[in-house]
Amino acid sequence: MIRDILVSLVSGTVFGAGLALGGMTDPARVRGFLDLFGAWDPTLAFVMGGAVLVMALAWLIQKRMQRPLFAEGFSLPDRRDITPRLVGGSALFGIGWGIAGLCPGPGFASFAIEPASAAIFVAAMLGGMLLVRLVEGN
């Protein structure tokens, strides 16, 4: 239990620090990256490229492991996981990301940089999540 909490805390801290250092917590930079036909800012392409390289390495390592270090087994997606609900949710995520310039990870990481703005974003995000639960009856 304590090991799980510590692993989660360290993982979340490293992830949040990477988002902050990469500029993902700056809504203006994110919107600049998404503005392909205006004042496009390509810097986040390097952040995403770095993430893809790290993930490619992780997939190679995962294939050689029998089980994860801190879990009983791997929980990997497959092609059956792509549903209309997932596609719709992904579209809503992208629209929200483009409007706000933040997504959940950078939104929480922004608490360390701009707490007031982050609080507004996180409150709206949590409200949207609650609304979906209420509408779907989960």
N, C-alpha and C. Protein backbone atom coordinates (compact mmCIF):
# COMPACT_ATOMS: atom_id res chain seq x y z
N MET A 1 0.82 -1.20 0.00
CA MET A 1 0.00 0.00 0.00
C MET A 1 0.86 1.25 0.00
N ILE A 2 1.79 1.37 0.93
CA ILE A 2 2.66 2.55 0.99
C ILE A 2 3.56 2.58 -0.24
N ARG A 3 4.05 1.41 -0.67
CA ARG A 3 4.87 1.35 -1.88
C ARG A 3 4.09 1.88 -3.07
N ASP A 4 2.82 1.49 -3.20
CA ASP A 4 1.98 1.95 -4.31
C ASP A 4 1.81 3.46 -4.27
N ILE A 5 1.59 4.00 -3.09
CA ILE A 5 1.43 5.45 -2.94
C ILE A 5 2.72 6.17 -3.33
N LEU A 6 3.85 5.65 -2.88
CA LEU A 6 5.13 6.28 -3.21
C LEU A 6 5.43 6.20 -4.71
N VAL A 7 5.16 5.05 -5.32
CA VAL A 7 5.37 4.92 -6.76
C VAL A 7 4.48 5.90 -7.51
N SER A 8 3.23 6.03 -7.09
CA SER A 8 2.31 6.97 -7.73
C SER A 8 2.77 8.41 -7.55
N LEU A 9 3.22 8.73 -6.34
CA LEU A 9 3.69 10.10 -6.06
C LEU A 9 4.91 10.45 -6.89
N VAL A 10 5.88 9.56 -6.95
CA VAL A 10 7.09 9.81 -7.74
C VAL A 10 6.75 9.89 -9.22
N SER A 11 5.93 8.97 -9.71
CA SER A 11 5.55 8.97 -11.13
C SER A 11 4.82 10.26 -11.50
N GLY A 12 3.87 10.65 -10.67
CA GLY A 12 3.11 11.88 -10.93
C GLY A 12 3.99 13.12 -10.88
N THR A 13 4.92 13.14 -9.95
CA THR A 13 5.83 14.28 -9.83
C THR A 13 6.73 14.39 -11.06
N VAL A 14 7.28 13.28 -11.50
CA VAL A 14 8.14 13.28 -12.70
C VAL A 14 7.32 13.69 -13.92
N PHE A 15 6.11 13.17 -14.04
CA PHE A 15 5.24 13.52 -15.17
C PHE A 15 4.91 15.01 -15.16
N GLY A 16 4.50 15.53 -14.01
CA GLY A 16 4.17 16.95 -13.89
C GLY A 16 5.36 17.85 -14.18
N ALA A 17 6.53 17.46 -13.69
CA ALA A 17 7.74 18.25 -13.95
C ALA A 17 8.06 18.25 -15.44
N GLY A 18 7.90 17.11 -16.09
CA GLY A 18 8.13 17.04 -17.53
C GLY A 18 7.17 17.92 -18.30
N LEU A 19 5.90 17.94 -17.89
CA LEU A 19 4.92 18.81 -18.55
C LEU A 19 5.29 20.27 -18.38
N ALA A 20 5.70 20.65 -17.17
CA ALA A 20 6.07 22.04 -16.91
C ALA A 20 7.32 22.43 -17.69
N LEU A 21 8.34 21.59 -17.65
CA LEU A 21 9.59 21.89 -18.36
C LEU A 21 9.39 21.91 -19.87
N GLY A 22 8.48 21.08 -20.37
CA GLY A 22 8.22 21.03 -21.81
C GLY A 22 7.32 22.14 -22.32
N GLY A 23 6.76 22.94 -21.43
CA GLY A 23 5.90 24.04 -21.84
C GLY A 23 4.45 23.67 -22.02
N MET A 24 4.07 22.45 -21.64
CA MET A 24 2.69 22.00 -21.82
C MET A 24 1.73 22.68 -20.84
N THR A 25 2.23 23.36 -19.83
CA THR A 25 1.36 24.05 -18.87
C THR A 25 1.11 25.50 -19.28
N ASP A 26 1.63 25.91 -20.43
CA ASP A 26 1.45 27.27 -20.94
C ASP A 26 0.36 27.25 -22.01
N PRO A 27 -0.87 27.66 -21.67
CA PRO A 27 -1.97 27.59 -22.63
C PRO A 27 -1.68 28.34 -23.94
N ALA A 28 -0.96 29.46 -23.87
CA ALA A 28 -0.66 30.22 -25.09
C ALA A 28 0.25 29.40 -26.01
N ARG A 29 1.20 28.69 -25.44
CA ARG A 29 2.09 27.86 -26.26
C ARG A 29 1.33 26.70 -26.89
N VAL A 30 0.43 26.10 -26.11
CA VAL A 30 -0.36 24.98 -26.64
C VAL A 30 -1.26 25.46 -27.77
N ARG A 31 -1.95 26.59 -27.56
CA ARG A 31 -2.82 27.12 -28.62
C ARG A 31 -1.98 27.50 -29.85
N GLY A 32 -0.77 28.03 -29.63
CA GLY A 32 0.13 28.35 -30.74
C GLY A 32 0.51 27.10 -31.52
N PHE A 33 0.70 26.00 -30.82
CA PHE A 33 1.03 24.74 -31.48
C PHE A 33 -0.15 24.24 -32.31
N LEU A 34 -1.36 24.44 -31.80
CA LEU A 34 -2.56 23.97 -32.50
C LEU A 34 -2.98 24.89 -33.64
N ASP A 35 -2.42 26.10 -33.71
CA ASP A 35 -2.76 27.08 -34.74
C ASP A 35 -1.93 26.82 -35.99
N LEU A 36 -2.29 25.79 -36.74
CA LEU A 36 -1.50 25.37 -37.89
C LEU A 36 -1.46 26.39 -39.02
N PHE A 37 -2.50 27.19 -39.18
CA PHE A 37 -2.57 28.12 -40.30
C PHE A 37 -2.39 29.57 -39.88
N GLY A 38 -1.93 29.79 -38.66
CA GLY A 38 -1.69 31.16 -38.18
C GLY A 38 -0.26 31.28 -37.69
N ALA A 39 -0.12 31.71 -36.47
CA ALA A 39 1.21 31.87 -35.86
C ALA A 39 1.61 30.55 -35.20
N TRP A 40 1.90 29.54 -36.01
CA TRP A 40 2.20 28.21 -35.50
C TRP A 40 3.49 28.20 -34.70
N ASP A 41 3.44 27.59 -33.52
CA ASP A 41 4.61 27.44 -32.65
C ASP A 41 4.98 25.96 -32.61
N PRO A 42 6.05 25.55 -33.29
CA PRO A 42 6.38 24.13 -33.40
C PRO A 42 7.09 23.52 -32.19
N THR A 43 7.34 24.30 -31.13
CA THR A 43 8.16 23.78 -30.03
C THR A 43 7.57 22.55 -29.37
N LEU A 44 6.25 22.46 -29.27
CA LEU A 44 5.65 21.30 -28.62
C LEU A 44 5.77 20.04 -29.47
N ALA A 45 6.05 20.19 -30.75
CA ALA A 45 6.29 19.01 -31.59
C ALA A 45 7.51 18.26 -31.08
N PHE A 46 8.50 18.97 -30.59
CA PHE A 46 9.69 18.32 -30.04
C PHE A 46 9.36 17.62 -28.72
N VAL A 47 8.48 18.21 -27.92
CA VAL A 47 8.05 17.57 -26.67
C VAL A 47 7.31 16.27 -27.01
N MET A 48 6.40 16.35 -27.97
CA MET A 48 5.64 15.15 -28.35
C MET A 48 6.55 14.11 -29.00
N GLY A 49 7.50 14.57 -29.81
CA GLY A 49 8.45 13.64 -30.42
C GLY A 49 9.28 12.92 -29.37
N GLY A 50 9.70 13.65 -28.35
CA GLY A 50 10.44 13.03 -27.25
C GLY A 50 9.58 12.01 -26.52
N ALA A 51 8.30 12.33 -26.32
CA ALA A 51 7.39 11.40 -25.66
C ALA A 51 7.19 10.13 -26.49
N VAL A 52 7.10 10.29 -27.81
CA VAL A 52 6.94 9.12 -28.69
C VAL A 52 8.18 8.23 -28.61
N LEU A 53 9.36 8.83 -28.60
CA LEU A 53 10.60 8.04 -28.48
C LEU A 53 10.66 7.28 -27.16
N VAL A 54 10.32 7.96 -26.08
CA VAL A 54 10.32 7.29 -24.76
C VAL A 54 9.31 6.15 -24.74
N MET A 55 8.13 6.38 -25.32
CA MET A 55 7.11 5.34 -25.33
C MET A 55 7.52 4.17 -26.21
N ALA A 56 8.19 4.45 -27.33
CA ALA A 56 8.67 3.36 -28.20
C ALA A 56 9.66 2.49 -27.44
N LEU A 57 10.53 3.11 -26.69
CA LEU A 57 11.49 2.37 -25.87
C LEU A 57 10.75 1.56 -24.80
N ALA A 58 9.74 2.17 -24.19
CA ALA A 58 8.96 1.47 -23.16
C ALA A 58 8.26 0.24 -23.74
N TRP A 59 7.73 0.33 -24.96
CA TRP A 59 7.07 -0.82 -25.59
C TRP A 59 8.08 -1.93 -25.84
N LEU A 60 9.29 -1.57 -26.26
CA LEU A 60 10.32 -2.59 -26.48
C LEU A 60 10.69 -3.30 -25.17
N ILE A 61 10.82 -2.53 -24.11
CA ILE A 61 11.15 -3.11 -22.80
C ILE A 61 9.99 -3.98 -22.31
N GLN A 62 8.76 -3.50 -22.48
CA GLN A 62 7.58 -4.23 -22.01
C GLN A 62 7.48 -5.60 -22.66
N LYS A 63 7.83 -5.70 -23.93
CA LYS A 63 7.73 -6.98 -24.63
C LYS A 63 8.65 -8.04 -24.01
N ARG A 64 9.71 -7.61 -23.37
CA ARG A 64 10.67 -8.55 -22.77
C ARG A 64 10.35 -8.86 -21.30
N MET A 65 9.36 -8.18 -20.75
CA MET A 65 9.01 -8.38 -19.34
C MET A 65 7.85 -9.36 -19.22
N GLN A 66 7.90 -10.19 -18.20
CA GLN A 66 6.78 -11.09 -17.96
C GLN A 66 5.64 -10.39 -17.25
N ARG A 67 5.97 -9.42 -16.40
CA ARG A 67 4.95 -8.64 -15.69
C ARG A 67 5.55 -7.29 -15.30
N PRO A 68 4.72 -6.31 -15.02
CA PRO A 68 5.23 -5.00 -14.60
C PRO A 68 5.93 -5.09 -13.24
N LEU A 69 6.73 -4.09 -12.93
CA LEU A 69 7.45 -4.08 -11.65
C LEU A 69 6.51 -3.94 -10.46
N PHE A 70 5.44 -3.15 -10.61
CA PHE A 70 4.58 -2.84 -9.48
C PHE A 70 3.12 -3.24 -9.69
N ALA A 71 2.90 -4.28 -10.47
CA ALA A 71 1.53 -4.77 -10.69
C ALA A 71 1.58 -6.26 -11.01
N GLU A 72 0.44 -6.90 -10.94
CA GLU A 72 0.36 -8.34 -11.21
C GLU A 72 0.44 -8.66 -12.69
N GLY A 73 -0.02 -7.72 -13.54
CA GLY A 73 -0.01 -7.97 -14.97
C GLY A 73 -0.16 -6.68 -15.75
N PHE A 74 0.08 -6.77 -17.05
CA PHE A 74 -0.08 -5.62 -17.92
C PHE A 74 -1.54 -5.43 -18.29
N SER A 75 -1.96 -4.20 -18.44
CA SER A 75 -3.30 -3.87 -18.89
C SER A 75 -3.16 -3.05 -20.16
N LEU A 76 -3.11 -3.75 -21.29
CA LEU A 76 -2.83 -3.11 -22.57
C LEU A 76 -4.09 -3.02 -23.42
N PRO A 77 -4.27 -1.92 -24.15
CA PRO A 77 -5.45 -1.79 -25.01
C PRO A 77 -5.32 -2.67 -26.24
N ASP A 78 -6.47 -2.95 -26.85
CA ASP A 78 -6.46 -3.67 -28.12
C ASP A 78 -7.44 -2.97 -29.06
N ARG A 79 -7.53 -3.43 -30.25
CA ARG A 79 -8.36 -2.77 -31.27
C ARG A 79 -9.84 -2.78 -30.91
N ARG A 80 -10.28 -3.68 -30.06
CA ARG A 80 -11.69 -3.72 -29.67
C ARG A 80 -12.05 -2.58 -28.73
N ASP A 81 -11.05 -1.87 -28.21
CA ASP A 81 -11.30 -0.77 -27.29
C ASP A 81 -11.79 0.49 -28.00
N ILE A 82 -11.72 0.54 -29.34
CA ILE A 82 -12.13 1.74 -30.08
C ILE A 82 -13.64 1.65 -30.31
N THR A 83 -14.37 2.53 -29.60
CA THR A 83 -15.82 2.55 -29.66
C THR A 83 -16.29 3.95 -30.07
N PRO A 84 -17.54 4.09 -30.49
CA PRO A 84 -18.05 5.44 -30.78
C PRO A 84 -17.95 6.37 -29.57
N ARG A 85 -18.15 5.84 -28.38
CA ARG A 85 -18.03 6.65 -27.17
C ARG A 85 -16.60 7.17 -27.01
N LEU A 86 -15.61 6.32 -27.28
CA LEU A 86 -14.21 6.73 -27.19
C LEU A 86 -13.89 7.79 -28.24
N VAL A 87 -14.35 7.61 -29.45
CA VAL A 87 -14.10 8.58 -30.52
C VAL A 87 -14.76 9.92 -30.18
N GLY A 88 -16.00 9.88 -29.71
CA GLY A 88 -16.69 11.12 -29.32
C GLY A 88 -15.99 11.81 -28.17
N GLY A 89 -15.59 11.04 -27.17
CA GLY A 89 -14.87 11.62 -26.04
C GLY A 89 -13.54 12.21 -26.46
N SER A 90 -12.86 11.56 -27.40
CA SER A 90 -11.59 12.08 -27.91
C SER A 90 -11.80 13.40 -28.63
N ALA A 91 -12.88 13.49 -29.40
CA ALA A 91 -13.18 14.74 -30.10
C ALA A 91 -13.47 15.86 -29.11
N LEU A 92 -14.26 15.57 -28.08
CA LEU A 92 -14.54 16.58 -27.05
C LEU A 92 -13.26 16.99 -26.32
N PHE A 93 -12.40 16.03 -26.04
CA PHE A 93 -11.12 16.31 -25.41
C PHE A 93 -10.31 17.29 -26.27
N GLY A 94 -10.22 17.00 -27.57
CA GLY A 94 -9.45 17.85 -28.48
C GLY A 94 -10.02 19.25 -28.58
N ILE A 95 -11.34 19.35 -28.63
CA ILE A 95 -11.97 20.67 -28.69
C ILE A 95 -11.67 21.45 -27.41
N GLY A 96 -11.82 20.80 -26.27
CA GLY A 96 -11.53 21.46 -25.00
C GLY A 96 -10.07 21.86 -24.88
N TRP A 97 -9.17 21.00 -25.36
CA TRP A 97 -7.74 21.29 -25.33
C TRP A 97 -7.44 22.52 -26.18
N GLY A 98 -8.06 22.59 -27.35
CA GLY A 98 -7.84 23.73 -28.23
C GLY A 98 -8.39 25.03 -27.67
N ILE A 99 -9.52 24.96 -27.00
CA ILE A 99 -10.13 26.17 -26.44
C ILE A 99 -9.36 26.64 -25.20
N ALA A 100 -9.10 25.73 -24.27
CA ALA A 100 -8.47 26.10 -23.00
C ALA A 100 -6.96 26.15 -23.08
N GLY A 101 -6.38 25.38 -23.99
CA GLY A 101 -4.93 25.30 -24.06
C GLY A 101 -4.35 24.39 -22.99
N LEU A 102 -5.20 23.67 -22.31
CA LEU A 102 -4.77 22.73 -21.26
C LEU A 102 -5.55 21.44 -21.40
N CYS A 103 -4.95 20.36 -20.93
CA CYS A 103 -5.65 19.10 -20.79
C CYS A 103 -5.42 18.65 -19.34
N PRO A 104 -5.98 17.53 -18.90
CA PRO A 104 -5.93 17.20 -17.48
C PRO A 104 -4.55 17.21 -16.83
N GLY A 105 -3.57 16.55 -17.41
CA GLY A 105 -2.23 16.52 -16.80
C GLY A 105 -1.64 17.90 -16.61
N PRO A 106 -1.50 18.67 -17.69
CA PRO A 106 -0.99 20.03 -17.54
C PRO A 106 -1.88 20.92 -16.68
N GLY A 107 -3.19 20.65 -16.69
CA GLY A 107 -4.08 21.44 -15.84
C GLY A 107 -3.74 21.29 -14.37
N PHE A 108 -3.52 20.05 -13.94
CA PHE A 108 -3.13 19.83 -12.54
C PHE A 108 -1.72 20.34 -12.27
N ALA A 109 -0.81 20.14 -13.23
CA ALA A 109 0.56 20.62 -13.06
C ALA A 109 0.60 22.15 -12.97
N SER A 110 -0.37 22.82 -13.59
CA SER A 110 -0.42 24.28 -13.57
C SER A 110 -0.71 24.84 -12.19
N PHE A 111 -1.20 24.01 -11.27
CA PHE A 111 -1.43 24.50 -9.91
C PHE A 111 -0.15 25.07 -9.30
N ALA A 112 1.00 24.53 -9.70
CA ALA A 112 2.26 25.02 -9.16
C ALA A 112 2.68 26.34 -9.79
N ILE A 113 2.16 26.67 -10.97
CA ILE A 113 2.59 27.86 -11.70
C ILE A 113 1.55 28.98 -11.62
N GLU A 114 0.29 28.66 -11.95
CA GLU A 114 -0.80 29.63 -11.92
C GLU A 114 -2.01 29.00 -11.23
N PRO A 115 -2.01 28.98 -9.90
CA PRO A 115 -3.08 28.28 -9.17
C PRO A 115 -4.49 28.76 -9.49
N ALA A 116 -4.69 30.07 -9.65
CA ALA A 116 -6.05 30.57 -9.90
C ALA A 116 -6.58 30.08 -11.24
N SER A 117 -5.79 30.23 -12.30
CA SER A 117 -6.22 29.76 -13.62
C SER A 117 -6.41 28.25 -13.64
N ALA A 118 -5.49 27.54 -12.99
CA ALA A 118 -5.58 26.08 -12.94
C ALA A 118 -6.84 25.66 -12.20
N ALA A 119 -7.18 26.36 -11.13
CA ALA A 119 -8.37 25.99 -10.35
C ALA A 119 -9.64 26.13 -11.19
N ILE A 120 -9.71 27.18 -11.99
CA ILE A 120 -10.88 27.37 -12.85
C ILE A 120 -10.97 26.22 -13.87
N PHE A 121 -9.85 25.90 -14.50
CA PHE A 121 -9.83 24.82 -15.49
C PHE A 121 -10.19 23.49 -14.85
N VAL A 122 -9.55 23.17 -13.73
CA VAL A 122 -9.78 21.87 -13.08
C VAL A 122 -11.22 21.77 -12.58
N ALA A 123 -11.77 22.86 -12.05
CA ALA A 123 -13.17 22.84 -11.60
C ALA A 123 -14.11 22.57 -12.78
N ALA A 124 -13.86 23.24 -13.91
CA ALA A 124 -14.69 23.02 -15.10
C ALA A 124 -14.55 21.58 -15.60
N MET A 125 -13.32 21.08 -15.59
CA MET A 125 -13.07 19.70 -16.06
C MET A 125 -13.80 18.70 -15.15
N LEU A 126 -13.67 18.87 -13.85
CA LEU A 126 -14.34 17.95 -12.92
C LEU A 126 -15.86 18.07 -13.04
N GLY A 127 -16.36 19.28 -13.27
CA GLY A 127 -17.79 19.47 -13.48
C GLY A 127 -18.26 18.73 -14.72
N GLY A 128 -17.49 18.79 -15.79
CA GLY A 128 -17.82 18.05 -17.02
C GLY A 128 -17.80 16.55 -16.80
N MET A 129 -16.83 16.07 -16.03
CA MET A 129 -16.76 14.64 -15.73
C MET A 129 -17.98 14.21 -14.92
N LEU A 130 -18.39 15.02 -13.95
CA LEU A 130 -19.57 14.72 -13.14
C LEU A 130 -20.82 14.72 -14.01
N LEU A 131 -20.91 15.68 -14.92
CA LEU A 131 -22.07 15.76 -15.82
C LEU A 131 -22.19 14.50 -16.67
N VAL A 132 -21.07 14.00 -17.20
CA VAL A 132 -21.09 12.77 -18.00
C VAL A 132 -21.58 11.61 -17.15
N ARG A 133 -21.08 11.52 -15.93
CA ARG A 133 -21.52 10.42 -15.03
C ARG A 133 -23.03 10.49 -14.78
N LEU A 134 -23.54 11.71 -14.56
CA LEU A 134 -24.97 11.88 -14.30
C LEU A 134 -25.81 11.53 -15.53
N VAL A 135 -25.35 11.95 -16.71
CA VAL A 135 -26.09 11.69 -17.95
C VAL A 135 -26.07 10.20 -18.29
N GLU A 136 -24.89 9.56 -18.10
CA GLU A 136 -24.78 8.14 -18.44
C GLU A 136 -25.29 7.22 -17.33
N GLY A 137 -25.49 7.75 -16.14
CA GLY A 137 -25.98 6.95 -15.04
C GLY A 137 -24.94 6.05 -14.41
N ASN A 138 -23.66 6.43 -14.49
CA ASN A 138 -22.59 5.62 -13.89
C ASN A 138 -22.34 6.05 -12.48
